[in-house]
Structure formats: structure tokens, C-alpha cells
C-alpha atoms as a PDB file:
ATOM      1  CA  MET A   1      18.056  17.193  93.632  1.00  0.00           C
ATOM      2  CA  SER A   2      20.232  14.931  91.448  1.00  0.00           C
ATOM      3  CA  GLU A   3      17.993  11.942  92.101  1.00  0.00           C
ATOM      4  CA  GLU A   4      14.966  13.909  91.045  1.00  0.00           C
ATOM      5  CA  ASN A   5      16.738  14.879  87.818  1.00  0.00           C
ATOM      6  CA  ASP A   6      17.630  11.229  87.182  1.00  0.00           C
ATOM      7  CA  LYS A   7      14.043  10.238  87.792  1.00  0.00           C
ATOM      8  CA  ILE A   8      12.872  12.882  85.394  1.00  0.00           C
ATOM      9  CA  LYS A   9      15.517  11.920  82.797  1.00  0.00           C
ATOM     10  CA  MET A  10      14.750   8.198  82.775  1.00  0.00           C
ATOM     11  CA  PRO A  11      11.113   8.556  81.697  1.00  0.00           C
ATOM     12  CA  THR A  12      12.150  11.007  79.013  1.00  0.00           C
ATOM     13  CA  GLU A  13      14.604   8.570  77.422  1.00  0.00           C
ATOM     14  CA  SER A  14      12.027   5.821  77.643  1.00  0.00           C
ATOM     15  CA  GLU A  15       9.472   7.963  75.954  1.00  0.00           C
ATOM     16  CA  GLN A  16      11.974   8.754  73.205  1.00  0.00           C
ATOM     17  CA  ARG A  17      12.617   5.073  72.569  1.00  0.00           C
ATOM     18  CA  ILE A  18       8.870   4.397  72.444  1.00  0.00           C
ATOM     19  CA  SER A  19       8.422   7.296  70.059  1.00  0.00           C
ATOM     20  CA  LYS A  20      11.192   5.945  67.800  1.00  0.00           C
ATOM     21  CA  ASP A  21       9.625   2.483  67.842  1.00  0.00           C
ATOM     22  CA  VAL A  22       6.229   3.900  66.949  1.00  0.00           C
ATOM     23  CA  SER A  23       7.736   5.966  64.108  1.00  0.00           C
ATOM     24  CA  THR A  24       9.569   2.929  62.765  1.00  0.00           C
ATOM     25  CA  GLU A  25       6.429   0.825  62.866  1.00  0.00           C
ATOM     26  CA  ALA A  26       4.500   3.588  61.133  1.00  0.00           C
ATOM     27  CA  LEU A  27       7.108   3.833  58.352  1.00  0.00           C
ATOM     28  CA  VAL A  28       7.119   0.058  57.893  1.00  0.00           C
ATOM     29  CA  ALA A  29       3.324  -0.021  57.780  1.00  0.00           C
ATOM     30  CA  GLN A  30       3.249   2.841  55.269  1.00  0.00           C
ATOM     31  CA  SER A  31       5.879   1.117  53.092  1.00  0.00           C
ATOM     32  CA  ASP A  32       3.926  -2.145  53.181  1.00  0.00           C
ATOM     33  CA  LYS A  33       0.774  -0.288  52.204  1.00  0.00           C
ATOM     34  CA  GLN A  34       2.509   1.426  49.285  1.00  0.00           C
ATOM     35  CA  SER A  35       3.944  -1.901  48.111  1.00  0.00           C
ATOM     36  CA  ALA A  36       0.512  -3.470  48.315  1.00  0.00           C
ATOM     37  CA  ASP A  37      -1.039  -0.585  46.386  1.00  0.00           C
ATOM     38  CA  ALA A  38       1.664  -0.782  43.714  1.00  0.00           C
ATOM     39  CA  SER A  39       1.231  -4.545  43.405  1.00  0.00           C
ATOM     40  CA  GLU A  40      -2.541  -4.129  43.152  1.00  0.00           C
ATOM     41  CA  LEU A  41      -2.092  -1.431  40.487  1.00  0.00           C
ATOM     42  CA  GLN A  42       0.238  -3.663  38.485  1.00  0.00           C
ATOM     43  CA  ASP A  43      -2.239  -6.532  38.721  1.00  0.00           C
ATOM     44  CA  ASP A  44      -5.057  -4.269  37.516  1.00  0.00           C
ATOM     45  CA  THR A  45      -2.918  -2.939  34.651  1.00  0.00           C
ATOM     46  CA  TRP A  46      -1.914  -6.442  33.610  1.00  0.00           C
ATOM     47  CA  ALA A  47      -5.538  -7.570  33.719  1.00  0.00           C
ATOM     48  CA  GLU A  48      -6.555  -4.642  31.509  1.00  0.00           C
ATOM     49  CA  LEU A  49      -3.792  -5.472  29.022  1.00  0.00           C
ATOM     50  CA  ILE A  50      -4.895  -9.098  28.875  1.00  0.00           C
ATOM     51  CA  GLN A  51      -8.510  -8.053  28.373  1.00  0.00           C
ATOM     52  CA  ASP A  52      -7.553  -5.623  25.597  1.00  0.00           C
ATOM     53  CA  TRP A  53      -5.468  -8.298  23.877  1.00  0.00           C
ATOM     54  CA  GLN A  54      -8.295 -10.810  24.082  1.00  0.00           C
ATOM     55  CA  THR A  55     -10.832  -8.365  22.694  1.00  0.00           C
ATOM     56  CA  GLN A  56      -8.729  -7.437  19.657  1.00  0.00           C
ATOM     57  CA  PRO A  57     -10.366  -8.514  16.360  1.00  0.00           C
ATOM     58  CA  THR A  58      -8.917 -11.603  14.732  1.00  0.00           C
ATOM     59  CA  VAL A  59      -8.079 -11.357  11.050  1.00  0.00           C
ATOM     60  CA  LYS A  60     -10.313 -13.715   9.135  1.00  0.00           C
ATOM     61  CA  THR A  61      -9.998 -14.561   5.472  1.00  0.00           C
ATOM     62  CA  ASP A  62     -12.960 -15.605   3.358  1.00  0.00           C
ATOM     63  CA  VAL A  63     -11.218 -18.139   1.162  1.00  0.00           C
ATOM     64  CA  LEU A  64     -14.123 -18.551  -1.248  1.00  0.00           C
ATOM     65  CA  ALA A  65     -14.465 -14.778  -1.739  1.00  0.00           C
ATOM     66  CA  LEU A  66     -10.712 -14.515  -2.243  1.00  0.00           C
ATOM     67  CA  VAL A  67     -10.771 -17.220  -4.937  1.00  0.00           C
ATOM     68  CA  LYS A  68     -13.665 -15.486  -6.725  1.00  0.00           C
ATOM     69  CA  ARG A  69     -11.945 -12.100  -6.585  1.00  0.00           C
ATOM     70  CA  THR A  70      -8.692 -13.521  -7.959  1.00  0.00           C
ATOM     71  CA  ARG A  71     -10.573 -15.278 -10.771  1.00  0.00           C
ATOM     72  CA  ARG A  72     -12.524 -12.121 -11.600  1.00  0.00           C
ATOM     73  CA  ARG A  73      -9.375  -9.979 -11.698  1.00  0.00           C
ATOM     74  CA  THR A  74      -7.597 -12.555 -13.836  1.00  0.00           C
ATOM     75  CA  ILE A  75     -10.407 -12.425 -16.382  1.00  0.00           C
ATOM     76  CA  GLY A  76     -10.254  -8.619 -16.359  1.00  0.00           C
ATOM     77  CA  ALA A  77      -6.473  -8.672 -16.789  1.00  0.00           C
ATOM     78  CA  LYS A  78      -6.747 -11.069 -19.741  1.00  0.00           C
ATOM     79  CA  PHE A  79      -9.364  -8.844 -21.355  1.00  0.00           C
ATOM     80  CA  CYS A  80      -7.133  -5.780 -20.885  1.00  0.00           C
ATOM     81  CA  PHE A  81      -4.164  -7.728 -22.260  1.00  0.00           C
ATOM     82  CA  ALA A  82      -6.182  -8.688 -25.346  1.00  0.00           C
ATOM     83  CA  LEU A  83      -7.190  -5.058 -25.870  1.00  0.00           C
ATOM     84  CA  ASN A  84      -3.553  -3.965 -25.727  1.00  0.00           C
ATOM     85  CA  ILE A  85      -2.612  -6.554 -28.331  1.00  0.00           C
ATOM     86  CA  VAL A  86      -5.473  -5.478 -30.605  1.00  0.00           C
ATOM     87  CA  ALA A  87      -4.524  -1.789 -30.158  1.00  0.00           C
ATOM     88  CA  THR A  88      -0.902  -2.541 -31.041  1.00  0.00           C
ATOM     89  CA  ILE A  89      -1.878  -4.459 -34.180  1.00  0.00           C
ATOM     90  CA  ALA A  90      -4.262  -1.641 -35.158  1.00  0.00           C
ATOM     91  CA  LEU A  91      -1.471   0.922 -34.792  1.00  0.00           C
ATOM     92  CA  PHE A  92       0.828  -1.117 -37.031  1.00  0.00           C
ATOM     93  CA  ILE A  93      -1.893  -1.548 -39.643  1.00  0.00           C
ATOM     94  CA  ALA A  94      -2.675   2.171 -39.580  1.00  0.00           C
ATOM     95  CA  PHE A  95       1.024   3.007 -39.873  1.00  0.00           C
ATOM     96  CA  ILE A  96       1.534   0.683 -42.855  1.00  0.00           C
ATOM     97  CA  TYR A  97      -1.613   1.963 -44.519  1.00  0.00           C
ATOM     98  CA  GLY A  98      -0.539   5.589 -44.034  1.00  0.00           C
ATOM     99  CA  ILE A  99       2.933   4.932 -45.416  1.00  0.00           C
ATOM    100  CA  TYR A 100       1.718   3.188 -48.574  1.00  0.00           C
ATOM    101  CA  ASN A 101      -1.150   5.539 -49.359  1.00  0.00           C
ATOM    102  CA  GLY A 102       0.435   8.741 -48.113  1.00  0.00           C
ATOM    103  CA  GLU A 103      -2.947  10.275 -47.219  1.00  0.00           C
ATOM    104  CA  TRP A 104      -2.425  11.123 -43.549  1.00  0.00           C
ATOM    105  CA  GLY A 105       0.673  13.270 -43.731  1.00  0.00           C
ATOM    106  CA  LYS A 106       4.130  12.938 -42.255  1.00  0.00           C
ATOM    107  CA  PRO A 107       3.374  13.959 -38.609  1.00  0.00           C
ATOM    108  CA  LEU A 108       0.633  11.371 -38.211  1.00  0.00           C
ATOM    109  CA  ASN A 109       2.689   8.658 -39.868  1.00  0.00           C
ATOM    110  CA  ILE A 110       5.609   9.358 -37.562  1.00  0.00           C
ATOM    111  CA  TYR A 111       3.281   9.355 -34.561  1.00  0.00           C
ATOM    112  CA  LEU A 112       1.712   6.041 -35.604  1.00  0.00           C
ATOM    113  CA  GLY A 113       5.089   4.464 -36.301  1.00  0.00           C
ATOM    114  CA  LEU A 114       6.642   5.453 -32.966  1.00  0.00           C
ATOM    115  CA  GLY A 115       3.399   4.781 -31.129  1.00  0.00           C
ATOM    116  CA  SER A 116       3.122   1.265 -32.525  1.00  0.00           C
ATOM    117  CA  LEU A 117       6.753   0.588 -31.602  1.00  0.00           C
ATOM    118  CA  LEU A 118       6.258   1.811 -28.024  1.00  0.00           C
ATOM    119  CA  SER A 119       3.038  -0.158 -27.774  1.00  0.00           C
ATOM    120  CA  LEU A 120       4.839  -3.298 -28.938  1.00  0.00           C
ATOM    121  CA  ILE A 121       7.511  -2.835 -26.248  1.00  0.00           C
ATOM    122  CA  PHE A 122       4.789  -2.286 -23.642  1.00  0.00           C
ATOM    123  CA  VAL A 123       2.945  -5.457 -24.680  1.00  0.00           C
ATOM    124  CA  TYR A 124       6.202  -7.417 -24.572  1.00  0.00           C
ATOM    125  CA  PHE A 125       6.847  -6.550 -20.926  1.00  0.00           C
ATOM    126  CA  GLU A 126       3.179  -7.003 -20.072  1.00  0.00           C
ATOM    127  CA  THR A 127       3.308 -10.482 -21.581  1.00  0.00           C
ATOM    128  CA  LYS A 128       6.292 -11.425 -19.426  1.00  0.00           C
ATOM    129  CA  VAL A 129       4.536 -10.231 -16.269  1.00  0.00           C
ATOM    130  CA  ARG A 130       1.112 -11.680 -17.010  1.00  0.00           C
ATOM    131  CA  VAL A 131       2.134 -15.076 -18.360  1.00  0.00           C
ATOM    132  CA  ALA A 132       4.525 -15.672 -15.454  1.00  0.00           C
ATOM    133  CA  THR A 133       1.661 -15.051 -13.032  1.00  0.00           C
ATOM    134  CA  TRP A 134      -1.111 -16.854 -14.879  1.00  0.00           C
ATOM    135  CA  SER A 135       0.985 -19.996 -15.232  1.00  0.00           C
ATOM    136  CA  GLN A 136       0.980 -20.514 -11.457  1.00  0.00           C
ATOM    137  CA  LEU A 137      -2.635 -19.600 -10.676  1.00  0.00           C
ATOM    138  CA  CYS A 138      -5.228 -22.235  -9.850  1.00  0.00           C
ATOM    139  CA  ASP A 139      -8.670 -22.461  -8.232  1.00  0.00           C
ATOM    140  CA  SER A 140      -7.500 -24.499  -5.242  1.00  0.00           C
ATOM    141  CA  PRO A 141      -8.780 -23.034  -1.937  1.00  0.00           C
ATOM    142  CA  GLU A 142      -5.556 -24.147  -0.265  1.00  0.00           C
ATOM    143  CA  LYS A 143      -3.599 -21.711  -2.447  1.00  0.00           C
ATOM    144  CA  ALA A 144      -6.142 -18.902  -2.317  1.00  0.00           C
ATOM    145  CA  ILE A 145      -3.872 -16.513  -0.428  1.00  0.00           C
ATOM    146  CA  ASP A 146      -0.807 -17.354  -2.542  1.00  0.00           C
ATOM    147  CA  ASN A 147      -2.790 -16.831  -5.736  1.00  0.00           C
ATOM    148  CA  ALA A 148      -4.190 -13.539  -4.458  1.00  0.00           C
ATOM    149  CA  ILE A 149      -0.674 -12.373  -3.570  1.00  0.00           C
ATOM    150  CA  ALA A 150       0.617 -13.328  -7.022  1.00  0.00           C
ATOM    151  CA  SER A 151      -2.329 -11.582  -8.685  1.00  0.00           C
ATOM    152  CA  SER A 152      -1.815  -8.392  -6.671  1.00  0.00           C
ATOM    153  CA  LYS A 153       1.903  -8.432  -7.419  1.00  0.00           C
ATOM    154  CA  SER A 154       1.197  -8.869 -11.133  1.00  0.00           C
ATOM    155  CA  SER A 155      -1.217  -5.935 -11.060  1.00  0.00           C
ATOM    156  CA  MET A 156       1.373  -3.790  -9.293  1.00  0.00           C
ATOM    157  CA  GLN A 157       3.957  -4.609 -11.947  1.00  0.00           C
ATOM    158  CA  TYR A 158       1.482  -3.862 -14.734  1.00  0.00           C
ATOM    159  CA  MET A 159       0.606  -0.499 -13.161  1.00  0.00           C
ATOM    160  CA  TRP A 160       4.298   0.298 -12.808  1.00  0.00           C
ATOM    161  CA  ILE A 161       4.944  -0.497 -16.488  1.00  0.00           C
ATOM    162  CA  THR A 162       1.969   1.657 -17.448  1.00  0.00           C
ATOM    163  CA  LYS A 163       3.291   4.593 -15.429  1.00  0.00           C
ATOM    164  CA  ILE A 164       6.751   4.211 -16.967  1.00  0.00           C
ATOM    165  CA  SER A 165       5.238   4.189 -20.454  1.00  0.00           C
ATOM    166  CA  PHE A 166       4.048   7.754 -19.900  1.00  0.00           C
ATOM    167  CA  LEU A 167       7.650   8.960 -20.150  1.00  0.00           C
ATOM    168  CA  PRO A 168       8.031   8.320 -23.897  1.00  0.00           C
ATOM    169  CA  PHE A 169       4.354   8.710 -24.800  1.00  0.00           C
ATOM    170  CA  LEU A 170       3.945  12.171 -23.263  1.00  0.00           C
ATOM    171  CA  PRO A 171       6.603  13.954 -25.349  1.00  0.00           C
ATOM    172  CA  LEU A 172       5.468  12.047 -28.442  1.00  0.00           C
ATOM    173  CA  ILE A 173       1.888  13.226 -28.029  1.00  0.00           C
ATOM    174  CA  ASN A 174       2.979  16.805 -27.357  1.00  0.00           C
ATOM    175  CA  TRP A 175       5.204  16.756 -30.433  1.00  0.00           C
ATOM    176  CA  PHE A 176       2.341  15.456 -32.544  1.00  0.00           C
ATOM    177  CA  VAL A 177      -0.059  18.103 -31.202  1.00  0.00           C
ATOM    178  CA  TYR A 178       2.424  20.895 -31.884  1.00  0.00           C
ATOM    179  CA  THR A 179       3.309  19.686 -35.383  1.00  0.00           C
ATOM    180  CA  SER A 180      -0.312  19.124 -36.344  1.00  0.00           C
ATOM    181  CA  SER A 181      -1.297  22.577 -35.072  1.00  0.00           C
ATOM    182  CA  GLN A 182       1.463  24.195 -37.132  1.00  0.00           C
ATOM    183  CA  THR A 183       0.449  22.305 -40.245  1.00  0.00           C
ATOM    184  CA  ASN A 184      -3.281  23.021 -39.908  1.00  0.00           C
ATOM    185  CA  ASN A 185      -2.821  26.594 -38.644  1.00  0.00           C
ATOM    186  CA  LYS A 186      -4.969  25.952 -35.575  1.00  0.00           C
ATOM    187  CA  GLY A 187      -4.582  27.093 -31.972  1.00  0.00           C
ATOM    188  CA  VAL A 188      -2.138  24.874 -30.142  1.00  0.00           C
ATOM    189  CA  LEU A 189      -3.248  25.701 -26.594  1.00  0.00           C
ATOM    190  CA  PRO A 190      -6.634  23.898 -26.628  1.00  0.00           C
ATOM    191  CA  ALA A 191      -5.047  20.827 -28.195  1.00  0.00           C
ATOM    192  CA  TYR A 192      -2.280  20.864 -25.563  1.00  0.00           C
ATOM    193  CA  LEU A 193      -4.806  21.155 -22.770  1.00  0.00           C
ATOM    194  CA  MET A 194      -6.924  18.295 -24.077  1.00  0.00           C
ATOM    195  CA  ALA A 195      -4.006  15.944 -24.751  1.00  0.00           C
ATOM    196  CA  ASN A 196      -2.129  16.618 -21.523  1.00  0.00           C
ATOM    197  CA  GLY A 197      -5.321  16.751 -19.471  1.00  0.00           C
ATOM    198  CA  PHE A 198      -6.267  13.303 -20.740  1.00  0.00           C
ATOM    199  CA  MET A 199      -2.794  11.964 -19.934  1.00  0.00           C
ATOM    200  CA  VAL A 200      -2.901  13.438 -16.428  1.00  0.00           C
ATOM    201  CA  ILE A 201      -6.307  11.884 -15.724  1.00  0.00           C
ATOM    202  CA  VAL A 202      -5.122   8.483 -16.942  1.00  0.00           C
ATOM    203  CA  TYR A 203      -1.960   8.750 -14.824  1.00  0.00           C
ATOM    204  CA  ILE A 204      -3.951   9.677 -11.695  1.00  0.00           C
ATOM    205  CA  VAL A 205      -6.245   6.683 -12.161  1.00  0.00           C
ATOM    206  CA  VAL A 206      -3.320   4.304 -12.750  1.00  0.00           C
ATOM    207  CA  ASP A 207      -1.426   5.703  -9.753  1.00  0.00           C
ATOM    208  CA  TYR A 208      -4.503   5.270  -7.540  1.00  0.00           C
ATOM    209  CA  LEU A 209      -4.913   1.660  -8.624  1.00  0.00           C
ATOM    210  CA  HIS A 210      -1.200   1.068  -8.101  1.00  0.00           C
ATOM    211  CA  ARG A 211      -1.385   2.347  -4.512  1.00  0.00           C
ATOM    212  CA  GLN A 212      -4.499   0.299  -3.875  1.00  0.00           C
ATOM    213  CA  ARG A 213      -2.920  -2.921  -5.143  1.00  0.00           C
ATOM    214  CA  LYS A 214       0.225  -2.217  -3.134  1.00  0.00           C
ATOM    215  CA  GLN A 215      -1.767  -1.806   0.067  1.00  0.00           C
ATOM    216  CA  GLU A 216      -3.740  -4.938  -0.709  1.00  0.00           C
ATOM    217  CA  TYR A 217      -0.508  -6.846  -1.393  1.00  0.00           C
ATOM    218  CA  GLN A 218       0.922  -5.851   1.995  1.00  0.00           C
ATOM    219  CA  GLN A 219      -2.278  -6.880   3.778  1.00  0.00           C
ATOM    220  CA  LEU A 220      -2.243 -10.282   2.101  1.00  0.00           C
ATOM    221  CA  LEU A 221       1.359 -10.812   3.160  1.00  0.00           C
ATOM    222  CA  LYS A 222       0.368 -10.084   6.779  1.00  0.00           C
ATOM    223  CA  VAL A 223      -2.524 -12.545   6.550  1.00  0.00           C
ATOM    224  CA  LYS A 224      -0.203 -15.230   5.203  1.00  0.00           C
ATOM    225  CA  LEU A 225       2.204 -14.773   8.130  1.00  0.00           C
ATOM    226  CA  LEU A 226      -0.547 -15.282  10.728  1.00  0.00           C
END
């Protein structure tokens, strides 16, 4: 009876060892398969990344178009600068004429006097910004990007000066509108709306151009670093 039990027991242990070996082989095979799948997935992902990187658009700069745009904006800036100088001289002439003849009244004379002074200060700072930039500009294609950067920076500074000039001009205009309305016995509200509405529109346009030049300036800096 004991021998029969031993005979029965021996095959059972053998079967258990075989079962363990089969399970181990199955686990190893499954692990190898998972490793192979993971490696294949990584290879596919890396290939997709390389393909995406290769298909990205390359930034190209049309040097000739950049030179023409810088030249065109420089001409426009010089024209605007000349207009500011003419406007400042006209304000001084009108102020002197009003003082000597005394025909325009005190409010207008004060407005012209302060306006011409503020305009002179504005032109002074504009001159410093513009002349410093124009002195280093040239039509060389090799310096097209540098010239475009300098031109954009100059425009940004001019827009900033223009926006700052609204601080003294706005109260001056409102004071003039109020004083003139009191002197002429006219409604002050329509005059306020017209004067301030005009100033708001001008400020919005200047602020838009300032943001545009700033964005353009940053893009040109990125192109230069490539």
C-alpha cells in the first residue's frame, strides 16, 4: 500500500515541476513580448517625432522685401516727423500772433501757448529717437534684418512717446473746451464728447500700431537668432 502511494506521489511531484517550468517559460515569453511591443512603440513614437520635426515650416526671410519695407517706413517716418515740426512752428506762430493782436481771447492763447510748448517737447524726444535710428540705417542686404529691427524699435519708441503725450494734452484740451463753452455760453457736453472722442480714437489707433510694431520686433529678433 505504501509503495503504491509512493508511485502515485512521484508522478504528482514531477507534474508539479513540469507545470512550474511551463509557467516560468510562459511568464518569460510574455515579458519578452511586452518588452518587444514597448520597444516597437517607442521606435514608432520616435519616428513620428522625427517626421513632425522634419515637416515643420522653416522661417524664410525675403531680404529684398524687408529692405523695401524698411525704406518705405523710413520715408513715412520722415514725412510724419516733418509734419510734427511744421505743426509745432504753426502753433508758435499762432500763439505769437494771438498775443500781439489780442483777437482770439485768453483761453485760446493759453491753449496755443501750452500746446506749442508740449509740441516742442514732443518733437525734441522724437528727434532723439529718429535721428539715432536713421544714422545707422543703410540699404545693404546684409544688414536688412538689423535695419528692420532698428526701424521697428524706433517706431515702438515713437508710439510710446505719442501715448505718453496724451497725459498732458488731454487735460489741456478739456480745460480749453470747458473755458470756451463758459465764455461763449454754449453746451459743454457736445464739445466734450467730440474732443474726448477724437482723443480716444487717436489713442486706440496709436496703441494698435504700437502692439503691431512690438510683435513685429519680437518676430525679427527670433529670425535673427536662427
